[in-house]
């Protein structure tokens, strides 16, 4: 889940979101966001869905399976 940890944090920083804003947008706590970003916790399918919806990206992107956040062009690794 290293890809998830890195990509979620990068999306947060690129969008100038604080952990508090991500927590509010996903319905998670700030401490949960921190644990996901540090790799201390792995997201369940429902949590992964919340992050995808919040950032507007595919699960394949967050999991590191494709490089295109929208999953277009079949850019699989």
N, C-alpha and C. Protein backbone atom coordinates (compact mmCIF):
# COMPACT_ATOMS: atom_id res chain seq x y z
N UNK A 1 0.81 -1.21 0.00
CA UNK A 1 0.00 0.00 0.00
C UNK A 1 0.85 1.27 0.00
N UNK A 2 2.11 1.11 -0.31
CA UNK A 2 2.99 2.29 -0.38
C UNK A 2 2.47 3.27 -1.42
N UNK A 3 2.00 2.75 -2.57
CA UNK A 3 1.49 3.65 -3.61
C UNK A 3 0.32 4.47 -3.09
N UNK A 4 -0.60 3.84 -2.36
CA UNK A 4 -1.74 4.58 -1.81
C UNK A 4 -1.26 5.68 -0.89
N UNK A 5 -0.38 5.34 0.02
CA UNK A 5 0.13 6.28 0.99
C UNK A 5 0.73 7.51 0.30
N UNK A 6 1.56 7.27 -0.70
CA UNK A 6 2.23 8.36 -1.41
C UNK A 6 1.25 9.16 -2.25
N UNK A 7 0.41 8.46 -3.00
CA UNK A 7 -0.50 9.17 -3.91
C UNK A 7 -1.56 9.97 -3.18
N UNK A 8 -2.08 9.43 -2.09
CA UNK A 8 -3.08 10.19 -1.33
C UNK A 8 -2.46 11.45 -0.77
N UNK A 9 -1.29 11.34 -0.18
CA UNK A 9 -0.63 12.52 0.40
C UNK A 9 -0.29 13.54 -0.69
N UNK A 10 0.21 13.06 -1.84
CA UNK A 10 0.53 13.97 -2.94
C UNK A 10 -0.72 14.70 -3.43
N UNK A 11 -1.83 13.99 -3.54
CA UNK A 11 -3.08 14.64 -3.97
C UNK A 11 -3.50 15.72 -2.97
N UNK A 12 -3.36 15.42 -1.70
CA UNK A 12 -3.74 16.39 -0.67
C UNK A 12 -2.88 17.65 -0.79
N UNK A 13 -1.58 17.45 -0.94
CA UNK A 13 -0.66 18.59 -1.03
C UNK A 13 -0.87 19.37 -2.33
N UNK A 14 -1.00 18.65 -3.45
CA UNK A 14 -1.21 19.31 -4.75
C UNK A 14 -2.47 20.17 -4.76
N UNK A 15 -3.48 19.74 -4.02
CA UNK A 15 -4.75 20.47 -3.97
C UNK A 15 -4.81 21.48 -2.82
N UNK A 16 -3.69 21.63 -2.11
CA UNK A 16 -3.62 22.55 -0.96
C UNK A 16 -4.67 22.26 0.10
N UNK A 17 -4.93 20.99 0.33
CA UNK A 17 -5.86 20.59 1.38
C UNK A 17 -5.10 20.31 2.67
N UNK A 18 -5.69 20.68 3.77
CA UNK A 18 -5.16 20.27 5.06
C UNK A 18 -5.73 18.89 5.37
N UNK A 19 -5.15 18.23 6.35
CA UNK A 19 -5.72 16.94 6.77
C UNK A 19 -7.14 17.15 7.29
N UNK A 20 -7.38 18.27 7.91
CA UNK A 20 -8.72 18.58 8.42
C UNK A 20 -9.72 18.65 7.27
N UNK A 21 -9.36 19.29 6.18
CA UNK A 21 -10.26 19.40 5.03
C UNK A 21 -10.54 18.03 4.41
N UNK A 22 -9.52 17.20 4.32
CA UNK A 22 -9.71 15.85 3.78
C UNK A 22 -10.61 15.05 4.72
N UNK A 23 -10.37 15.19 6.01
CA UNK A 23 -11.20 14.49 6.99
C UNK A 23 -12.66 14.90 6.85
N UNK A 24 -12.91 16.18 6.74
CA UNK A 24 -14.29 16.66 6.58
C UNK A 24 -14.90 16.19 5.28
N UNK A 25 -14.11 16.16 4.21
CA UNK A 25 -14.61 15.75 2.90
C UNK A 25 -14.85 14.26 2.76
N UNK A 26 -14.16 13.48 3.56
CA UNK A 26 -14.30 12.03 3.47
C UNK A 26 -15.14 11.44 4.60
N UNK A 27 -15.32 12.21 5.65
CA UNK A 27 -16.04 11.69 6.81
C UNK A 27 -15.16 10.91 7.76
N UNK A 28 -13.86 11.00 7.56
CA UNK A 28 -12.90 10.33 8.43
C UNK A 28 -12.38 11.32 9.47
N UNK A 29 -11.58 10.84 10.39
CA UNK A 29 -10.97 11.73 11.37
C UNK A 29 -9.58 12.16 10.88
N UNK A 30 -9.07 13.24 11.45
CA UNK A 30 -7.73 13.70 11.11
C UNK A 30 -6.71 12.63 11.48
N UNK A 31 -6.90 11.98 12.60
CA UNK A 31 -5.95 10.94 13.01
C UNK A 31 -5.98 9.77 12.03
N UNK A 32 -7.13 9.44 11.48
CA UNK A 32 -7.21 8.36 10.48
C UNK A 32 -6.46 8.77 9.22
N UNK A 33 -6.65 10.01 8.77
CA UNK A 33 -5.93 10.50 7.58
C UNK A 33 -4.43 10.40 7.82
N UNK A 34 -3.99 10.81 8.99
CA UNK A 34 -2.58 10.75 9.34
C UNK A 34 -2.06 9.31 9.30
N UNK A 35 -2.83 8.38 9.81
CA UNK A 35 -2.40 6.97 9.81
C UNK A 35 -2.33 6.41 8.39
N UNK A 36 -3.26 6.81 7.52
CA UNK A 36 -3.20 6.35 6.12
C UNK A 36 -1.97 6.93 5.43
N UNK A 37 -1.69 8.20 5.67
CA UNK A 37 -0.55 8.85 5.01
C UNK A 37 0.79 8.34 5.52
N UNK A 38 0.83 7.88 6.74
CA UNK A 38 2.09 7.38 7.30
C UNK A 38 2.27 5.88 7.04
N UNK A 39 1.24 5.24 6.49
CA UNK A 39 1.32 3.82 6.21
C UNK A 39 1.05 2.94 7.41
N UNK A 40 0.59 3.54 8.50
CA UNK A 40 0.28 2.77 9.70
C UNK A 40 -1.06 2.04 9.59
N UNK A 41 -1.84 2.44 8.59
CA UNK A 41 -3.16 1.84 8.40
C UNK A 41 -3.41 1.70 6.90
N UNK A 42 -4.06 0.60 6.51
CA UNK A 42 -4.42 0.39 5.11
C UNK A 42 -5.92 0.62 4.95
N UNK A 43 -6.33 1.25 3.84
CA UNK A 43 -7.75 1.56 3.66
C UNK A 43 -8.57 0.33 3.29
N UNK A 44 -9.76 0.27 3.85
CA UNK A 44 -10.72 -0.76 3.41
C UNK A 44 -11.29 -0.31 2.07
N UNK A 45 -12.07 -1.15 1.46
CA UNK A 45 -12.68 -0.80 0.17
C UNK A 45 -13.57 0.42 0.31
N UNK A 46 -14.32 0.52 1.40
CA UNK A 46 -15.22 1.67 1.57
C UNK A 46 -14.44 2.95 1.80
N UNK A 47 -13.33 2.88 2.51
CA UNK A 47 -12.50 4.07 2.73
C UNK A 47 -11.82 4.47 1.43
N UNK A 48 -11.35 3.50 0.67
CA UNK A 48 -10.75 3.79 -0.63
C UNK A 48 -11.76 4.52 -1.51
N UNK A 49 -13.00 4.07 -1.50
CA UNK A 49 -14.07 4.72 -2.27
C UNK A 49 -14.24 6.18 -1.83
N UNK A 50 -14.19 6.44 -0.52
CA UNK A 50 -14.34 7.81 -0.02
C UNK A 50 -13.23 8.72 -0.54
N UNK A 51 -12.00 8.20 -0.54
CA UNK A 51 -10.88 8.98 -1.06
C UNK A 51 -11.03 9.23 -2.56
N UNK A 52 -11.44 8.21 -3.30
CA UNK A 52 -11.64 8.36 -4.74
C UNK A 52 -12.68 9.42 -5.04
N UNK A 53 -13.77 9.37 -4.33
CA UNK A 53 -14.85 10.34 -4.54
C UNK A 53 -14.38 11.74 -4.18
N UNK A 54 -13.68 11.87 -3.07
CA UNK A 54 -13.21 13.19 -2.62
C UNK A 54 -12.24 13.82 -3.62
N UNK A 55 -11.27 13.03 -4.08
CA UNK A 55 -10.25 13.57 -4.99
C UNK A 55 -10.65 13.49 -6.47
N UNK A 56 -11.68 12.74 -6.79
CA UNK A 56 -12.10 12.61 -8.19
C UNK A 56 -11.13 11.78 -9.02
N UNK A 57 -10.57 10.74 -8.40
CA UNK A 57 -9.63 9.86 -9.09
C UNK A 57 -10.12 8.42 -8.98
N UNK A 58 -9.52 7.54 -9.77
CA UNK A 58 -9.92 6.13 -9.74
C UNK A 58 -9.19 5.39 -8.62
N UNK A 59 -9.76 4.29 -8.20
CA UNK A 59 -9.11 3.43 -7.22
C UNK A 59 -7.82 2.86 -7.80
N UNK A 60 -7.84 2.53 -9.09
CA UNK A 60 -6.63 2.02 -9.73
C UNK A 60 -5.47 3.01 -9.60
N UNK A 61 -5.77 4.30 -9.72
CA UNK A 61 -4.73 5.32 -9.56
C UNK A 61 -4.21 5.35 -8.12
N UNK A 62 -5.11 5.42 -7.16
CA UNK A 62 -4.69 5.49 -5.77
C UNK A 62 -3.91 4.25 -5.34
N UNK A 63 -4.22 3.13 -5.92
CA UNK A 63 -3.53 1.88 -5.57
C UNK A 63 -2.24 1.68 -6.37
N UNK A 64 -1.96 2.59 -7.30
CA UNK A 64 -0.73 2.50 -8.06
C UNK A 64 -0.78 1.57 -9.25
N UNK A 65 -1.98 1.20 -9.68
CA UNK A 65 -2.11 0.29 -10.82
C UNK A 65 -2.03 1.00 -12.16
N UNK A 66 -2.40 2.27 -12.19
CA UNK A 66 -2.29 3.09 -13.39
C UNK A 66 -1.70 4.44 -13.00
N UNK A 67 -1.12 5.13 -13.97
CA UNK A 67 -0.51 6.42 -13.69
C UNK A 67 -1.43 7.60 -13.96
N UNK A 68 -2.51 7.38 -14.69
CA UNK A 68 -3.46 8.45 -15.01
C UNK A 68 -4.54 8.49 -13.91
N UNK A 69 -4.66 9.62 -13.21
CA UNK A 69 -5.66 9.71 -12.13
C UNK A 69 -7.09 9.40 -12.57
N UNK A 70 -7.39 9.59 -13.85
CA UNK A 70 -8.73 9.33 -14.35
C UNK A 70 -8.85 7.94 -14.95
N UNK A 71 -7.75 7.20 -14.98
CA UNK A 71 -7.76 5.84 -15.49
C UNK A 71 -7.94 5.75 -17.00
N UNK A 72 -7.68 6.83 -17.71
CA UNK A 72 -7.84 6.85 -19.16
C UNK A 72 -6.60 6.31 -19.85
N UNK A 73 -6.75 5.99 -21.09
CA UNK A 73 -5.65 5.58 -21.97
C UNK A 73 -5.02 4.26 -21.58
N UNK A 74 -5.62 3.53 -20.68
CA UNK A 74 -5.09 2.22 -20.33
C UNK A 74 -3.65 2.21 -19.88
N UNK A 75 -3.22 3.25 -19.19
CA UNK A 75 -1.83 3.38 -18.77
C UNK A 75 -1.58 2.50 -17.55
N UNK A 76 -1.60 1.21 -17.72
CA UNK A 76 -1.36 0.31 -16.61
C UNK A 76 0.13 0.08 -16.44
N UNK A 77 0.51 -0.17 -15.21
CA UNK A 77 1.91 -0.47 -14.92
C UNK A 77 2.22 -1.89 -15.25
